[in-house]
Amino acid sequence: MQSTVRPNATLVDLLDRVLDRGLVINADIIISLAGVPLIGINLRAALAGMDTMVKYGVMREWDEAIRAREQEG
């Protein structure tokens, strides 16, 4: 069995992999003072190439609308 770790991987390699496969971050943050919750934040972020996003159904309608608008004009 061979190692999958590449010692010479660069930032470009990492970015290429993230855009190809996608990355999703979900975070729930609550800021409280003296045990009293003051602010609640629900964060969901997705980073991927457009082909990957469309493949998984993220922003499909937006992509189709933009492409249709470009073909018209």
PDB file of N, CA and C in Angstrom:
ATOM      1  N   MET A   1       0.837  -1.171   0.000  1.00  0.00           N
ATOM      2  CA  MET A   1       0.000   0.000   0.000  1.00  0.00           C
ATOM      3  C   MET A   1       0.886   1.240   0.000  1.00  0.00           C
ATOM      4  N   GLN A   2       0.634   2.159  -0.922  1.00  0.00           N
ATOM      5  CA  GLN A   2       1.457   3.352  -1.039  1.00  0.00           C
ATOM      6  C   GLN A   2       0.790   4.532  -0.344  1.00  0.00           C
ATOM      7  N   SER A   3       1.619   5.413   0.169  1.00  0.00           N
ATOM      8  CA  SER A   3       1.125   6.610   0.838  1.00  0.00           C
ATOM      9  C   SER A   3       0.495   7.555  -0.175  1.00  0.00           C
ATOM     10  N   THR A   4      -0.600   8.199   0.219  1.00  0.00           N
ATOM     11  CA  THR A   4      -1.244   9.172  -0.661  1.00  0.00           C
ATOM     12  C   THR A   4      -0.773  10.589  -0.374  1.00  0.00           C
ATOM     13  N   VAL A   5       0.070  10.766   0.629  1.00  0.00           N
ATOM     14  CA  VAL A   5       0.583  12.082   0.972  1.00  0.00           C
ATOM     15  C   VAL A   5       1.694  12.451   0.001  1.00  0.00           C
ATOM     16  N   ARG A   6       1.573  13.636  -0.583  1.00  0.00           N
ATOM     17  CA  ARG A   6       2.600  14.121  -1.501  1.00  0.00           C
ATOM     18  C   ARG A   6       3.399  15.210  -0.795  1.00  0.00           C
ATOM     19  N   PRO A   7       4.670  14.985  -0.556  1.00  0.00           N
ATOM     20  CA  PRO A   7       5.453  15.959   0.202  1.00  0.00           C
ATOM     21  C   PRO A   7       5.664  17.275  -0.540  1.00  0.00           C
ATOM     22  N   ASN A   8       5.522  17.295  -1.845  1.00  0.00           N
ATOM     23  CA  ASN A   8       5.772  18.502  -2.624  1.00  0.00           C
ATOM     24  C   ASN A   8       4.482  19.170  -3.092  1.00  0.00           C
ATOM     25  N   ALA A   9       3.365  18.901  -2.432  1.00  0.00           N
ATOM     26  CA  ALA A   9       2.096  19.513  -2.811  1.00  0.00           C
ATOM     27  C   ALA A   9       2.169  21.021  -2.578  1.00  0.00           C
ATOM     28  N   THR A  10       1.610  21.781  -3.501  1.00  0.00           N
ATOM     29  CA  THR A  10       1.645  23.235  -3.416  1.00  0.00           C
ATOM     30  C   THR A  10       0.245  23.776  -3.162  1.00  0.00           C
ATOM     31  N   LEU A  11       0.170  25.065  -2.956  1.00  0.00           N
ATOM     32  CA  LEU A  11      -1.114  25.725  -2.761  1.00  0.00           C
ATOM     33  C   LEU A  11      -1.999  25.563  -3.991  1.00  0.00           C
ATOM     34  N   VAL A  12      -1.399  25.576  -5.156  1.00  0.00           N
ATOM     35  CA  VAL A  12      -2.151  25.383  -6.400  1.00  0.00           C
ATOM     36  C   VAL A  12      -2.767  23.988  -6.435  1.00  0.00           C
ATOM     37  N   ASP A  13      -2.029  22.974  -5.989  1.00  0.00           N
ATOM     38  CA  ASP A  13      -2.568  21.610  -5.928  1.00  0.00           C
ATOM     39  C   ASP A  13      -3.760  21.541  -4.978  1.00  0.00           C
ATOM     40  N   LEU A  14      -3.641  22.190  -3.829  1.00  0.00           N
ATOM     41  CA  LEU A  14      -4.727  22.206  -2.856  1.00  0.00           C
ATOM     42  C   LEU A  14      -5.957  22.907  -3.421  1.00  0.00           C
ATOM     43  N   LEU A  15      -5.756  24.056  -4.036  1.00  0.00           N
ATOM     44  CA  LEU A  15      -6.867  24.797  -4.621  1.00  0.00           C
ATOM     45  C   LEU A  15      -7.531  24.009  -5.739  1.00  0.00           C
ATOM     46  N   ASP A  16      -6.744  23.349  -6.564  1.00  0.00           N
ATOM     47  CA  ASP A  16      -7.291  22.521  -7.640  1.00  0.00           C
ATOM     48  C   ASP A  16      -8.154  21.400  -7.077  1.00  0.00           C
ATOM     49  N   ARG A  17      -7.695  20.784  -6.014  1.00  0.00           N
ATOM     50  CA  ARG A  17      -8.462  19.688  -5.396  1.00  0.00           C
ATOM     51  C   ARG A  17      -9.762  20.194  -4.773  1.00  0.00           C
ATOM     52  N   VAL A  18      -9.700  21.343  -4.090  1.00  0.00           N
ATOM     53  CA  VAL A  18     -10.906  21.908  -3.474  1.00  0.00           C
ATOM     54  C   VAL A  18     -11.918  22.292  -4.539  1.00  0.00           C
ATOM     55  N   LEU A  19     -11.481  22.931  -5.615  1.00  0.00           N
ATOM     56  CA  LEU A  19     -12.412  23.332  -6.670  1.00  0.00           C
ATOM     57  C   LEU A  19     -12.984  22.127  -7.393  1.00  0.00           C
ATOM     58  N   ASP A  20     -12.211  21.054  -7.499  1.00  0.00           N
ATOM     59  CA  ASP A  20     -12.688  19.846  -8.175  1.00  0.00           C
ATOM     60  C   ASP A  20     -13.669  19.062  -7.307  1.00  0.00           C
ATOM     61  N   ARG A  21     -13.385  18.938  -6.030  1.00  0.00           N
ATOM     62  CA  ARG A  21     -14.219  18.118  -5.137  1.00  0.00           C
ATOM     63  C   ARG A  21     -15.224  18.930  -4.341  1.00  0.00           C
ATOM     64  N   GLY A  22     -14.883  20.162  -4.009  1.00  0.00           N
ATOM     65  CA  GLY A  22     -15.764  21.016  -3.228  1.00  0.00           C
ATOM     66  C   GLY A  22     -15.447  20.965  -1.744  1.00  0.00           C
ATOM     67  N   LEU A  23     -15.860  22.009  -1.059  1.00  0.00           N
ATOM     68  CA  LEU A  23     -15.637  22.137   0.372  1.00  0.00           C
ATOM     69  C   LEU A  23     -16.855  22.836   0.963  1.00  0.00           C
ATOM     70  N   VAL A  24     -17.444  22.258   2.000  1.00  0.00           N
ATOM     71  CA  VAL A  24     -18.605  22.848   2.665  1.00  0.00           C
ATOM     72  C   VAL A  24     -18.269  23.044   4.132  1.00  0.00           C
ATOM     73  N   ILE A  25     -18.565  24.235   4.629  1.00  0.00           N
ATOM     74  CA  ILE A  25     -18.335  24.552   6.033  1.00  0.00           C
ATOM     75  C   ILE A  25     -19.673  24.937   6.657  1.00  0.00           C
ATOM     76  N   ASN A  26     -20.041  24.265   7.732  1.00  0.00           N
ATOM     77  CA  ASN A  26     -21.229  24.599   8.520  1.00  0.00           C
ATOM     78  C   ASN A  26     -20.766  24.997   9.907  1.00  0.00           C
ATOM     79  N   ALA A  27     -21.255  26.137  10.391  1.00  0.00           N
ATOM     80  CA  ALA A  27     -20.857  26.584  11.725  1.00  0.00           C
ATOM     81  C   ALA A  27     -22.035  27.255  12.419  1.00  0.00           C
ATOM     82  N   ASP A  28     -22.217  26.947  13.682  1.00  0.00           N
ATOM     83  CA  ASP A  28     -23.182  27.616  14.545  1.00  0.00           C
ATOM     84  C   ASP A  28     -22.395  28.289  15.656  1.00  0.00           C
ATOM     85  N   ILE A  29     -22.519  29.604  15.739  1.00  0.00           N
ATOM     86  CA  ILE A  29     -21.753  30.372  16.716  1.00  0.00           C
ATOM     87  C   ILE A  29     -22.728  31.139  17.607  1.00  0.00           C
ATOM     88  N   ILE A  30     -22.535  31.046  18.903  1.00  0.00           N
ATOM     89  CA  ILE A  30     -23.339  31.813  19.854  1.00  0.00           C
ATOM     90  C   ILE A  30     -22.385  32.611  20.733  1.00  0.00           C
ATOM     91  N   ILE A  31     -22.577  33.916  20.738  1.00  0.00           N
ATOM     92  CA  ILE A  31     -21.764  34.792  21.577  1.00  0.00           C
ATOM     93  C   ILE A  31     -22.603  35.155  22.794  1.00  0.00           C
ATOM     94  N   SER A  32     -22.063  34.858  23.963  1.00  0.00           N
ATOM     95  CA  SER A  32     -22.815  35.136  25.191  1.00  0.00           C
ATOM     96  C   SER A  32     -21.945  35.900  26.178  1.00  0.00           C
ATOM     97  N   LEU A  33     -22.611  36.618  27.057  1.00  0.00           N
ATOM     98  CA  LEU A  33     -21.935  37.389  28.088  1.00  0.00           C
ATOM     99  C   LEU A  33     -22.598  37.059  29.422  1.00  0.00           C
ATOM    100  N   ALA A  34     -21.844  36.578  30.365  1.00  0.00           N
ATOM    101  CA  ALA A  34     -22.343  36.183  31.691  1.00  0.00           C
ATOM    102  C   ALA A  34     -23.445  35.140  31.574  1.00  0.00           C
ATOM    103  N   GLY A  35     -23.294  34.224  30.635  1.00  0.00           N
ATOM    104  CA  GLY A  35     -24.256  33.145  30.470  1.00  0.00           C
ATOM    105  C   GLY A  35     -25.514  33.526  29.711  1.00  0.00           C
ATOM    106  N   VAL A  36     -25.591  34.768  29.221  1.00  0.00           N
ATOM    107  CA  VAL A  36     -26.760  35.226  28.465  1.00  0.00           C
ATOM    108  C   VAL A  36     -26.379  35.290  26.991  1.00  0.00           C
ATOM    109  N   PRO A  37     -27.048  34.495  26.136  1.00  0.00           N
ATOM    110  CA  PRO A  37     -26.726  34.543  24.712  1.00  0.00           C
ATOM    111  C   PRO A  37     -27.138  35.882  24.103  1.00  0.00           C
ATOM    112  N   LEU A  38     -26.190  36.528  23.429  1.00  0.00           N
ATOM    113  CA  LEU A  38     -26.452  37.836  22.833  1.00  0.00           C
ATOM    114  C   LEU A  38     -26.635  37.759  21.324  1.00  0.00           C
ATOM    115  N   ILE A  39     -25.775  37.002  20.668  1.00  0.00           N
ATOM    116  CA  ILE A  39     -25.798  36.922  19.204  1.00  0.00           C
ATOM    117  C   ILE A  39     -25.669  35.464  18.789  1.00  0.00           C
ATOM    118  N   GLY A  40     -26.499  35.066  17.840  1.00  0.00           N
ATOM    119  CA  GLY A  40     -26.394  33.729  17.260  1.00  0.00           C
ATOM    120  C   GLY A  40     -26.134  33.834  15.771  1.00  0.00           C
ATOM    121  N   ILE A  41     -25.178  33.092  15.290  1.00  0.00           N
ATOM    122  CA  ILE A  41     -24.817  33.115  13.868  1.00  0.00           C
ATOM    123  C   ILE A  41     -24.852  31.691  13.337  1.00  0.00           C
ATOM    124  N   ASN A  42     -25.548  31.513  12.224  1.00  0.00           N
ATOM    125  CA  ASN A  42     -25.584  30.231  11.535  1.00  0.00           C
ATOM    126  C   ASN A  42     -24.914  30.456  10.185  1.00  0.00           C
ATOM    127  N   LEU A  43     -23.791  29.802   9.950  1.00  0.00           N
ATOM    128  CA  LEU A  43     -23.004  30.025   8.744  1.00  0.00           C
ATOM    129  C   LEU A  43     -22.926  28.749   7.926  1.00  0.00           C
ATOM    130  N   ARG A  44     -23.186  28.885   6.633  1.00  0.00           N
ATOM    131  CA  ARG A  44     -22.986  27.775   5.711  1.00  0.00           C
ATOM    132  C   ARG A  44     -22.295  28.337   4.479  1.00  0.00           C
ATOM    133  N   ALA A  45     -21.134  27.815   4.184  1.00  0.00           N
ATOM    134  CA  ALA A  45     -20.357  28.283   3.045  1.00  0.00           C
ATOM    135  C   ALA A  45     -19.941  27.095   2.192  1.00  0.00           C
ATOM    136  N   ALA A  46     -20.007  27.284   0.880  1.00  0.00           N
ATOM    137  CA  ALA A  46     -19.584  26.241  -0.053  1.00  0.00           C
ATOM    138  C   ALA A  46     -18.568  26.839  -1.015  1.00  0.00           C
ATOM    139  N   LEU A  47     -17.507  26.103  -1.253  1.00  0.00           N
ATOM    140  CA  LEU A  47     -16.473  26.517  -2.194  1.00  0.00           C
ATOM    141  C   LEU A  47     -16.212  25.356  -3.132  1.00  0.00           C
ATOM    142  N   ALA A  48     -16.424  25.600  -4.420  1.00  0.00           N
ATOM    143  CA  ALA A  48     -16.197  24.556  -5.423  1.00  0.00           C
ATOM    144  C   ALA A  48     -16.189  25.207  -6.793  1.00  0.00           C
ATOM    145  N   GLY A  49     -15.683  24.488  -7.764  1.00  0.00           N
ATOM    146  CA  GLY A  49     -15.764  24.938  -9.140  1.00  0.00           C
ATOM    147  C   GLY A  49     -17.212  24.886  -9.608  1.00  0.00           C
ATOM    148  N   MET A  50     -17.558  25.664 -10.619  1.00  0.00           N
ATOM    149  CA  MET A  50     -18.945  25.727 -11.077  1.00  0.00           C
ATOM    150  C   MET A  50     -19.438  24.368 -11.546  1.00  0.00           C
ATOM    151  N   ASP A  51     -18.618  23.592 -12.217  1.00  0.00           N
ATOM    152  CA  ASP A  51     -19.033  22.256 -12.664  1.00  0.00           C
ATOM    153  C   ASP A  51     -19.408  21.371 -11.479  1.00  0.00           C
ATOM    154  N   THR A  52     -18.632  21.436 -10.417  1.00  0.00           N
ATOM    155  CA  THR A  52     -18.912  20.638  -9.222  1.00  0.00           C
ATOM    156  C   THR A  52     -20.182  21.116  -8.544  1.00  0.00           C
ATOM    157  N   MET A  53     -20.376  22.436  -8.459  1.00  0.00           N
ATOM    158  CA  MET A  53     -21.579  22.979  -7.821  1.00  0.00           C
ATOM    159  C   MET A  53     -22.829  22.538  -8.575  1.00  0.00           C
ATOM    160  N   VAL A  54     -22.799  22.630  -9.896  1.00  0.00           N
ATOM    161  CA  VAL A  54     -23.960  22.237 -10.703  1.00  0.00           C
ATOM    162  C   VAL A  54     -24.195  20.732 -10.590  1.00  0.00           C
ATOM    163  N   LYS A  55     -23.124  19.961 -10.556  1.00  0.00           N
ATOM    164  CA  LYS A  55     -23.239  18.504 -10.433  1.00  0.00           C
ATOM    165  C   LYS A  55     -24.013  18.107  -9.179  1.00  0.00           C
ATOM    166  N   TYR A  56     -23.798  18.840  -8.080  1.00  0.00           N
ATOM    167  CA  TYR A  56     -24.469  18.531  -6.822  1.00  0.00           C
ATOM    168  C   TYR A  56     -25.732  19.364  -6.598  1.00  0.00           C
ATOM    169  N   GLY A  57     -26.137  20.136  -7.592  1.00  0.00           N
ATOM    170  CA  GLY A  57     -27.394  20.872  -7.498  1.00  0.00           C
ATOM    171  C   GLY A  57     -27.325  22.194  -6.758  1.00  0.00           C
ATOM    172  N   VAL A  58     -26.135  22.691  -6.494  1.00  0.00           N
ATOM    173  CA  VAL A  58     -25.987  23.974  -5.818  1.00  0.00           C
ATOM    174  C   VAL A  58     -25.926  25.064  -6.881  1.00  0.00           C
ATOM    175  N   MET A  59     -26.773  26.048  -6.780  1.00  0.00           N
ATOM    176  CA  MET A  59     -26.800  27.204  -7.691  1.00  0.00           C
ATOM    177  C   MET A  59     -27.119  26.815  -9.133  1.00  0.00           C
ATOM    178  N   ARG A  60     -27.810  25.731  -9.347  1.00  0.00           N
ATOM    179  CA  ARG A  60     -28.123  25.287 -10.706  1.00  0.00           C
ATOM    180  C   ARG A  60     -28.992  26.313 -11.436  1.00  0.00           C
ATOM    181  N   GLU A  61     -30.046  26.816 -10.773  1.00  0.00           N
ATOM    182  CA  GLU A  61     -30.939  27.784 -11.406  1.00  0.00           C
ATOM    183  C   GLU A  61     -30.196  29.068 -11.758  1.00  0.00           C
ATOM    184  N   TRP A  62     -29.329  29.517 -10.859  1.00  0.00           N
ATOM    185  CA  TRP A  62     -28.555  30.724 -11.108  1.00  0.00           C
ATOM    186  C   TRP A  62     -27.653  30.537 -12.325  1.00  0.00           C
ATOM    187  N   ASP A  63     -26.983  29.400 -12.412  1.00  0.00           N
ATOM    188  CA  ASP A  63     -26.091  29.118 -13.532  1.00  0.00           C
ATOM    189  C   ASP A  63     -26.863  29.093 -14.847  1.00  0.00           C
ATOM    190  N   GLU A  64     -28.036  28.443 -14.851  1.00  0.00           N
ATOM    191  CA  GLU A  64     -28.834  28.377 -16.072  1.00  0.00           C
ATOM    192  C   GLU A  64     -29.314  29.762 -16.493  1.00  0.00           C
ATOM    193  N   ALA A  65     -29.712  30.597 -15.534  1.00  0.00           N
ATOM    194  CA  ALA A  65     -30.167  31.953 -15.854  1.00  0.00           C
ATOM    195  C   ALA A  65     -29.037  32.792 -16.433  1.00  0.00           C
ATOM    196  N   ILE A  66     -27.868  32.700 -15.860  1.00  0.00           N
ATOM    197  CA  ILE A  66     -26.714  33.463 -16.362  1.00  0.00           C
ATOM    198  C   ILE A  66     -26.342  33.006 -17.767  1.00  0.00           C
ATOM    199  N   ARG A  67     -26.317  31.696 -17.996  1.00  0.00           N
ATOM    200  CA  ARG A  67     -25.968  31.180 -19.323  1.00  0.00           C
ATOM    201  C   ARG A  67     -27.011  31.573 -20.364  1.00  0.00           C
ATOM    202  N   ALA A  68     -28.299  31.548 -19.994  1.00  0.00           N
ATOM    203  CA  ALA A  68     -29.358  31.943 -20.927  1.00  0.00           C
ATOM    204  C   ALA A  68     -29.243  33.423 -21.271  1.00  0.00           C
ATOM    205  N   ARG A  69     -28.943  34.257 -20.286  1.00  0.00           N
ATOM    206  CA  ARG A  69     -28.781  35.686 -20.525  1.00  0.00           C
ATOM    207  C   ARG A  69     -27.598  35.957 -21.453  1.00  0.00           C
ATOM    208  N   GLU A  70     -26.514  35.218 -21.280  1.00  0.00           N
ATOM    209  CA  GLU A  70     -25.339  35.391 -22.139  1.00  0.00           C
ATOM    210  C   GLU A  70     -25.624  34.968 -23.576  1.00  0.00           C
ATOM    211  N   GLN A  71     -26.422  33.924 -23.761  1.00  0.00           N
ATOM    212  CA  GLN A  71     -26.738  33.457 -25.113  1.00  0.00           C
ATOM    213  C   GLN A  71     -27.656  34.434 -25.836  1.00  0.00           C
ATOM    214  N   GLU A  72     -28.531  35.139 -25.092  1.00  0.00           N
ATOM    215  CA  GLU A  72     -29.439  36.102 -25.701  1.00  0.00           C
ATOM    216  C   GLU A  72     -28.706  37.327 -26.215  1.00  0.00           C
ATOM    217  N   GLY A  73     -27.752  37.803 -25.470  1.00  0.00           N
ATOM    218  CA  GLY A  73     -27.142  39.076 -25.838  1.00  0.00           C
ATOM    219  C   GLY A  73     -25.731  38.944 -26.146  1.00  0.00           C
TER     220      GLY A  73
END
